[in-house]
Amino acid sequence: MMRISTWLLGVMLLAMGGCTTMSVEECKVARWGEVGLRDGLAGQPLSKLDDLSKDCAEAKVTVDTNAYLQGRDQGLITYCRPGNAVKLGLEGKYYQGACPASIDADFRRRYGVGREVYDSREQVRNLDSRRMGLERQLRDAQKDDDRRKYRNELSDLDYSLRRARDRVRDAEWALDRMR
């Protein structure tokens, strides 16, 4: 019982530690303009500043909000480029709404086109993997009923794969048209 309690306490401490955005030491030596620049380049939402302020308040350090915001704005100039929106989508990353309202709609549209390509390709990969597993089960099946079941599932899966490949083609076509 004591081992479980110790283990549980350790897990809780690790989980709580994972919630912080900056350590006490990092807060004490932070160059807030550079922190903001890094967060802007990463497309972090403005709510990240609140998290930093809370973490550093515990260390009795005040965030230089003006320096952070200036750095973040500089980083967002690079992050919010239209080509980056497509890149983020194609890599399956998430857009957290960090770009200014004046370009947010276009950024989201471009991100969505890239993300559709990523998602549709991912679906094909998953279906291909499922197909290989069913083929292996069919090959190893001992009973006729099992073989029939696997053949039916493969037939259904082939239809799903054709549809998924069509989705990839359509998404890639939309991407090419956008570029």
C-alpha atoms as a PDB file:
ATOM      1  CA  MET A   1       0.000   0.000   0.000  1.00  0.00           C
ATOM      2  CA  MET A   2       2.853   2.381   0.831  1.00  0.00           C
ATOM      3  CA  ARG A   3       4.456   1.747  -2.591  1.00  0.00           C
ATOM      4  CA  ILE A   4       1.229   2.660  -4.372  1.00  0.00           C
ATOM      5  CA  SER A   5       0.897   5.883  -2.363  1.00  0.00           C
ATOM      6  CA  THR A   6       4.492   6.870  -3.105  1.00  0.00           C
ATOM      7  CA  TRP A   7       4.049   6.057  -6.783  1.00  0.00           C
ATOM      8  CA  LEU A   8       0.786   8.020  -6.949  1.00  0.00           C
ATOM      9  CA  LEU A   9       2.397  11.038  -5.274  1.00  0.00           C
ATOM     10  CA  GLY A  10       5.254  10.925  -7.785  1.00  0.00           C
ATOM     11  CA  VAL A  11       2.846  10.774 -10.720  1.00  0.00           C
ATOM     12  CA  MET A  12       0.851  13.719  -9.343  1.00  0.00           C
ATOM     13  CA  LEU A  13       4.000  15.802  -8.893  1.00  0.00           C
ATOM     14  CA  LEU A  14       5.109  15.029 -12.440  1.00  0.00           C
ATOM     15  CA  ALA A  15       1.688  15.942 -13.800  1.00  0.00           C
ATOM     16  CA  MET A  16       1.638  19.209 -11.889  1.00  0.00           C
ATOM     17  CA  GLY A  17       5.146  20.003 -13.047  1.00  0.00           C
ATOM     18  CA  GLY A  18       4.059  19.441 -16.633  1.00  0.00           C
ATOM     19  CA  CYS A  19       1.548  22.274 -16.337  1.00  0.00           C
ATOM     20  CA  THR A  20       4.142  24.998 -15.868  1.00  0.00           C
ATOM     21  CA  THR A  21       5.317  26.961 -18.857  1.00  0.00           C
ATOM     22  CA  MET A  22       8.471  28.287 -17.191  1.00  0.00           C
ATOM     23  CA  SER A  23      10.466  27.241 -14.171  1.00  0.00           C
ATOM     24  CA  VAL A  24      11.373  29.628 -11.346  1.00  0.00           C
ATOM     25  CA  GLU A  25      14.923  29.892 -12.685  1.00  0.00           C
ATOM     26  CA  GLU A  26      13.731  30.545 -16.232  1.00  0.00           C
ATOM     27  CA  CYS A  27      11.463  33.334 -14.966  1.00  0.00           C
ATOM     28  CA  LYS A  28      14.354  34.978 -13.131  1.00  0.00           C
ATOM     29  CA  VAL A  29      16.626  35.144 -16.189  1.00  0.00           C
ATOM     30  CA  ALA A  30      14.033  35.532 -18.962  1.00  0.00           C
ATOM     31  CA  ARG A  31      14.542  38.027 -21.737  1.00  0.00           C
ATOM     32  CA  TRP A  32      10.885  38.742 -22.332  1.00  0.00           C
ATOM     33  CA  GLY A  33      11.297  40.032 -25.868  1.00  0.00           C
ATOM     34  CA  GLU A  34      13.034  36.791 -26.848  1.00  0.00           C
ATOM     35  CA  VAL A  35      10.389  34.704 -25.073  1.00  0.00           C
ATOM     36  CA  GLY A  36       7.692  36.594 -26.976  1.00  0.00           C
ATOM     37  CA  LEU A  37       9.561  36.179 -30.259  1.00  0.00           C
ATOM     38  CA  ARG A  38       9.856  32.431 -29.699  1.00  0.00           C
ATOM     39  CA  ASP A  39       6.166  32.158 -28.862  1.00  0.00           C
ATOM     40  CA  GLY A  40       5.205  34.260 -31.896  1.00  0.00           C
ATOM     41  CA  LEU A  41       7.322  32.113 -34.209  1.00  0.00           C
ATOM     42  CA  ALA A  42       5.578  29.048 -32.753  1.00  0.00           C
ATOM     43  CA  GLY A  43       2.107  30.571 -33.194  1.00  0.00           C
ATOM     44  CA  GLN A  44       1.327  30.462 -29.496  1.00  0.00           C
ATOM     45  CA  PRO A  45      -1.973  32.109 -28.561  1.00  0.00           C
ATOM     46  CA  LEU A  46      -1.982  35.240 -26.435  1.00  0.00           C
ATOM     47  CA  SER A  47      -3.232  33.137 -23.517  1.00  0.00           C
ATOM     48  CA  LYS A  48       0.347  31.876 -23.216  1.00  0.00           C
ATOM     49  CA  LEU A  49       1.204  35.258 -21.661  1.00  0.00           C
ATOM     50  CA  ASP A  50      -1.328  34.592 -18.889  1.00  0.00           C
ATOM     51  CA  ASP A  51       0.291  31.225 -18.201  1.00  0.00           C
ATOM     52  CA  LEU A  52       3.739  32.810 -18.066  1.00  0.00           C
ATOM     53  CA  SER A  53       2.500  35.553 -15.742  1.00  0.00           C
ATOM     54  CA  LYS A  54       0.995  33.005 -13.339  1.00  0.00           C
ATOM     55  CA  ASP A  55       4.093  30.798 -13.336  1.00  0.00           C
ATOM     56  CA  CYS A  56       6.444  33.705 -12.802  1.00  0.00           C
ATOM     57  CA  ALA A  57       4.225  35.305 -10.147  1.00  0.00           C
ATOM     58  CA  GLU A  58       4.834  32.190  -8.068  1.00  0.00           C
ATOM     59  CA  ALA A  59       8.547  32.956  -8.424  1.00  0.00           C
ATOM     60  CA  LYS A  60       7.857  36.599  -7.501  1.00  0.00           C
ATOM     61  CA  VAL A  61       8.928  37.723 -10.980  1.00  0.00           C
ATOM     62  CA  THR A  62       6.888  40.147 -13.063  1.00  0.00           C
ATOM     63  CA  VAL A  63       6.665  39.532 -16.791  1.00  0.00           C
ATOM     64  CA  ASP A  64       7.658  42.498 -18.954  1.00  0.00           C
ATOM     65  CA  THR A  65       4.417  42.434 -20.944  1.00  0.00           C
ATOM     66  CA  ASN A  66       5.433  45.165 -23.407  1.00  0.00           C
ATOM     67  CA  ALA A  67       8.700  43.430 -24.324  1.00  0.00           C
ATOM     68  CA  TYR A  68       6.914  40.069 -24.605  1.00  0.00           C
ATOM     69  CA  LEU A  69       4.190  41.492 -26.878  1.00  0.00           C
ATOM     70  CA  GLN A  70       6.707  43.294 -29.103  1.00  0.00           C
ATOM     71  CA  GLY A  71       8.690  40.074 -29.504  1.00  0.00           C
ATOM     72  CA  ARG A  72       5.551  38.025 -30.116  1.00  0.00           C
ATOM     73  CA  ASP A  73       4.347  40.468 -32.765  1.00  0.00           C
ATOM     74  CA  GLN A  74       7.717  40.153 -34.545  1.00  0.00           C
ATOM     75  CA  GLY A  75       7.465  36.356 -34.451  1.00  0.00           C
ATOM     76  CA  LEU A  76       3.902  36.406 -35.742  1.00  0.00           C
ATOM     77  CA  ILE A  77       5.043  38.305 -38.846  1.00  0.00           C
ATOM     78  CA  THR A  78       6.944  35.175 -39.865  1.00  0.00           C
ATOM     79  CA  TYR A  79       4.451  32.658 -38.503  1.00  0.00           C
ATOM     80  CA  CYS A  80       1.382  34.228 -40.135  1.00  0.00           C
ATOM     81  CA  ARG A  81       2.668  34.026 -43.696  1.00  0.00           C
ATOM     82  CA  PRO A  82       0.260  32.242 -46.060  1.00  0.00           C
ATOM     83  CA  GLY A  83       2.819  29.591 -46.992  1.00  0.00           C
ATOM     84  CA  ASN A  84       3.253  28.696 -43.344  1.00  0.00           C
ATOM     85  CA  ALA A  85      -0.494  28.070 -43.023  1.00  0.00           C
ATOM     86  CA  VAL A  86      -0.321  25.398 -45.712  1.00  0.00           C
ATOM     87  CA  LYS A  87       2.862  23.932 -44.199  1.00  0.00           C
ATOM     88  CA  LEU A  88       1.254  23.628 -40.761  1.00  0.00           C
ATOM     89  CA  GLY A  89      -1.746  21.853 -42.239  1.00  0.00           C
ATOM     90  CA  LEU A  90       0.365  19.484 -44.333  1.00  0.00           C
ATOM     91  CA  GLU A  91       2.384  18.567 -41.229  1.00  0.00           C
ATOM     92  CA  GLY A  92      -0.782  17.843 -39.236  1.00  0.00           C
ATOM     93  CA  LYS A  93      -0.057  20.574 -36.718  1.00  0.00           C
ATOM     94  CA  TYR A  94      -2.718  22.686 -35.064  1.00  0.00           C
ATOM     95  CA  TYR A  95      -3.439  26.349 -35.619  1.00  0.00           C
ATOM     96  CA  GLN A  96      -4.382  28.093 -32.381  1.00  0.00           C
ATOM     97  CA  GLY A  97      -5.778  31.320 -33.810  1.00  0.00           C
ATOM     98  CA  ALA A  98      -2.675  33.417 -33.140  1.00  0.00           C
ATOM     99  CA  CYS A  99      -2.699  35.515 -36.320  1.00  0.00           C
ATOM    100  CA  PRO A 100      -4.172  39.025 -36.397  1.00  0.00           C
ATOM    101  CA  ALA A 101      -7.855  39.276 -37.294  1.00  0.00           C
ATOM    102  CA  SER A 102      -7.021  40.992 -40.588  1.00  0.00           C
ATOM    103  CA  ILE A 103      -5.398  37.821 -41.970  1.00  0.00           C
ATOM    104  CA  ASP A 104      -6.876  35.133 -39.743  1.00  0.00           C
ATOM    105  CA  ALA A 105      -9.635  34.064 -42.176  1.00  0.00           C
ATOM    106  CA  ASP A 106      -7.205  33.631 -45.081  1.00  0.00           C
ATOM    107  CA  PHE A 107      -4.700  31.858 -42.837  1.00  0.00           C
ATOM    108  CA  ARG A 108      -7.409  29.466 -41.598  1.00  0.00           C
ATOM    109  CA  ARG A 109      -8.573  28.775 -45.164  1.00  0.00           C
ATOM    110  CA  ARG A 110      -5.058  27.956 -46.325  1.00  0.00           C
ATOM    111  CA  TYR A 111      -4.370  25.923 -43.199  1.00  0.00           C
ATOM    112  CA  GLY A 112      -7.608  24.004 -43.776  1.00  0.00           C
ATOM    113  CA  VAL A 113      -6.607  23.078 -47.335  1.00  0.00           C
ATOM    114  CA  GLY A 114      -3.246  21.763 -46.121  1.00  0.00           C
ATOM    115  CA  ARG A 115      -4.847  19.979 -43.191  1.00  0.00           C
ATOM    116  CA  GLU A 116      -7.378  18.297 -45.489  1.00  0.00           C
ATOM    117  CA  VAL A 117      -4.491  16.834 -47.510  1.00  0.00           C
ATOM    118  CA  TYR A 118      -2.824  15.630 -44.314  1.00  0.00           C
ATOM    119  CA  ASP A 119      -6.013  14.122 -42.881  1.00  0.00           C
ATOM    120  CA  SER A 120      -6.985  12.377 -46.096  1.00  0.00           C
ATOM    121  CA  ARG A 121      -3.496  10.906 -46.534  1.00  0.00           C
ATOM    122  CA  GLU A 122      -3.567   9.768 -42.914  1.00  0.00           C
ATOM    123  CA  GLN A 123      -6.905   8.050 -43.524  1.00  0.00           C
ATOM    124  CA  VAL A 124      -5.441   6.162 -46.490  1.00  0.00           C
ATOM    125  CA  ARG A 125      -2.452   5.077 -44.375  1.00  0.00           C
ATOM    126  CA  ASN A 126      -4.767   3.818 -41.634  1.00  0.00           C
ATOM    127  CA  LEU A 127      -6.980   1.949 -44.081  1.00  0.00           C
ATOM    128  CA  ASP A 128      -3.929   0.406 -45.783  1.00  0.00           C
ATOM    129  CA  SER A 129      -2.689  -0.746 -42.396  1.00  0.00           C
ATOM    130  CA  ARG A 130      -6.101  -2.228 -41.590  1.00  0.00           C
ATOM    131  CA  ARG A 131      -6.110  -3.954 -44.984  1.00  0.00           C
ATOM    132  CA  MET A 132      -2.727  -5.588 -44.329  1.00  0.00           C
ATOM    133  CA  GLY A 133      -4.009  -6.844 -40.986  1.00  0.00           C
ATOM    134  CA  LEU A 134      -7.131  -8.324 -42.581  1.00  0.00           C
ATOM    135  CA  GLU A 135      -5.059  -9.968 -45.307  1.00  0.00           C
ATOM    136  CA  ARG A 136      -2.880 -11.532 -42.618  1.00  0.00           C
ATOM    137  CA  GLN A 137      -5.970 -12.749 -40.746  1.00  0.00           C
ATOM    138  CA  LEU A 138      -7.401 -14.176 -43.980  1.00  0.00           C
ATOM    139  CA  ARG A 139      -4.139 -15.955 -44.735  1.00  0.00           C
ATOM    140  CA  ASP A 140      -4.042 -17.448 -41.208  1.00  0.00           C
ATOM    141  CA  ALA A 141      -7.762 -18.296 -40.957  1.00  0.00           C
ATOM    142  CA  GLN A 142      -8.534 -21.951 -40.362  1.00  0.00           C
ATOM    143  CA  LYS A 143     -12.308 -21.928 -40.847  1.00  0.00           C
ATOM    144  CA  ASP A 144     -14.337 -21.171 -43.967  1.00  0.00           C
ATOM    145  CA  ASP A 145     -16.640 -18.879 -41.990  1.00  0.00           C
ATOM    146  CA  ASP A 146     -13.670 -16.816 -40.839  1.00  0.00           C
ATOM    147  CA  ARG A 147     -12.243 -16.621 -44.372  1.00  0.00           C
ATOM    148  CA  ARG A 148     -15.631 -15.503 -45.704  1.00  0.00           C
ATOM    149  CA  LYS A 149     -15.881 -12.858 -42.962  1.00  0.00           C
ATOM    150  CA  TYR A 150     -12.391 -11.502 -43.755  1.00  0.00           C
ATOM    151  CA  ARG A 151     -13.087 -11.454 -47.505  1.00  0.00           C
ATOM    152  CA  ASN A 152     -16.270  -9.451 -46.883  1.00  0.00           C
ATOM    153  CA  GLU A 153     -14.410  -7.021 -44.632  1.00  0.00           C
ATOM    154  CA  LEU A 154     -11.679  -6.671 -47.263  1.00  0.00           C
ATOM    155  CA  SER A 155     -14.288  -5.975 -49.922  1.00  0.00           C
ATOM    156  CA  ASP A 156     -15.847  -3.252 -47.774  1.00  0.00           C
ATOM    157  CA  LEU A 157     -12.418  -1.897 -46.960  1.00  0.00           C
ATOM    158  CA  ASP A 158     -11.455  -1.758 -50.641  1.00  0.00           C
ATOM    159  CA  TYR A 159     -14.480   0.444 -51.262  1.00  0.00           C
ATOM    160  CA  SER A 160     -13.475   2.698 -48.341  1.00  0.00           C
ATOM    161  CA  LEU A 161      -9.918   2.857 -49.656  1.00  0.00           C
ATOM    162  CA  ARG A 162     -11.099   3.922 -53.115  1.00  0.00           C
ATOM    163  CA  ARG A 163     -13.179   6.680 -51.542  1.00  0.00           C
ATOM    164  CA  ALA A 164     -10.276   7.765 -49.313  1.00  0.00           C
ATOM    165  CA  ARG A 165      -7.889   7.888 -52.285  1.00  0.00           C
ATOM    166  CA  ASP A 166     -10.434  10.007 -54.144  1.00  0.00           C
ATOM    167  CA  ARG A 167     -10.485  12.329 -51.140  1.00  0.00           C
ATOM    168  CA  VAL A 168      -6.671  12.602 -51.263  1.00  0.00           C
ATOM    169  CA  ARG A 169      -6.791  13.383 -54.977  1.00  0.00           C
ATOM    170  CA  ASP A 170      -9.456  16.053 -54.452  1.00  0.00           C
ATOM    171  CA  ALA A 171      -7.579  17.600 -51.514  1.00  0.00           C
ATOM    172  CA  GLU A 172      -4.304  17.678 -53.443  1.00  0.00           C
ATOM    173  CA  TRP A 173      -6.097  19.221 -56.420  1.00  0.00           C
ATOM    174  CA  ALA A 174      -7.518  21.950 -54.153  1.00  0.00           C
ATOM    175  CA  LEU A 175      -4.031  22.551 -52.780  1.00  0.00           C
ATOM    176  CA  ASP A 176      -2.550  22.851 -56.263  1.00  0.00           C
ATOM    177  CA  ARG A 177      -5.299  25.276 -57.293  1.00  0.00           C
ATOM    178  CA  MET A 178      -4.657  27.428 -54.241  1.00  0.00           C
ATOM    179  CA  ARG A 179      -0.938  27.705 -54.912  1.00  0.00           C
END
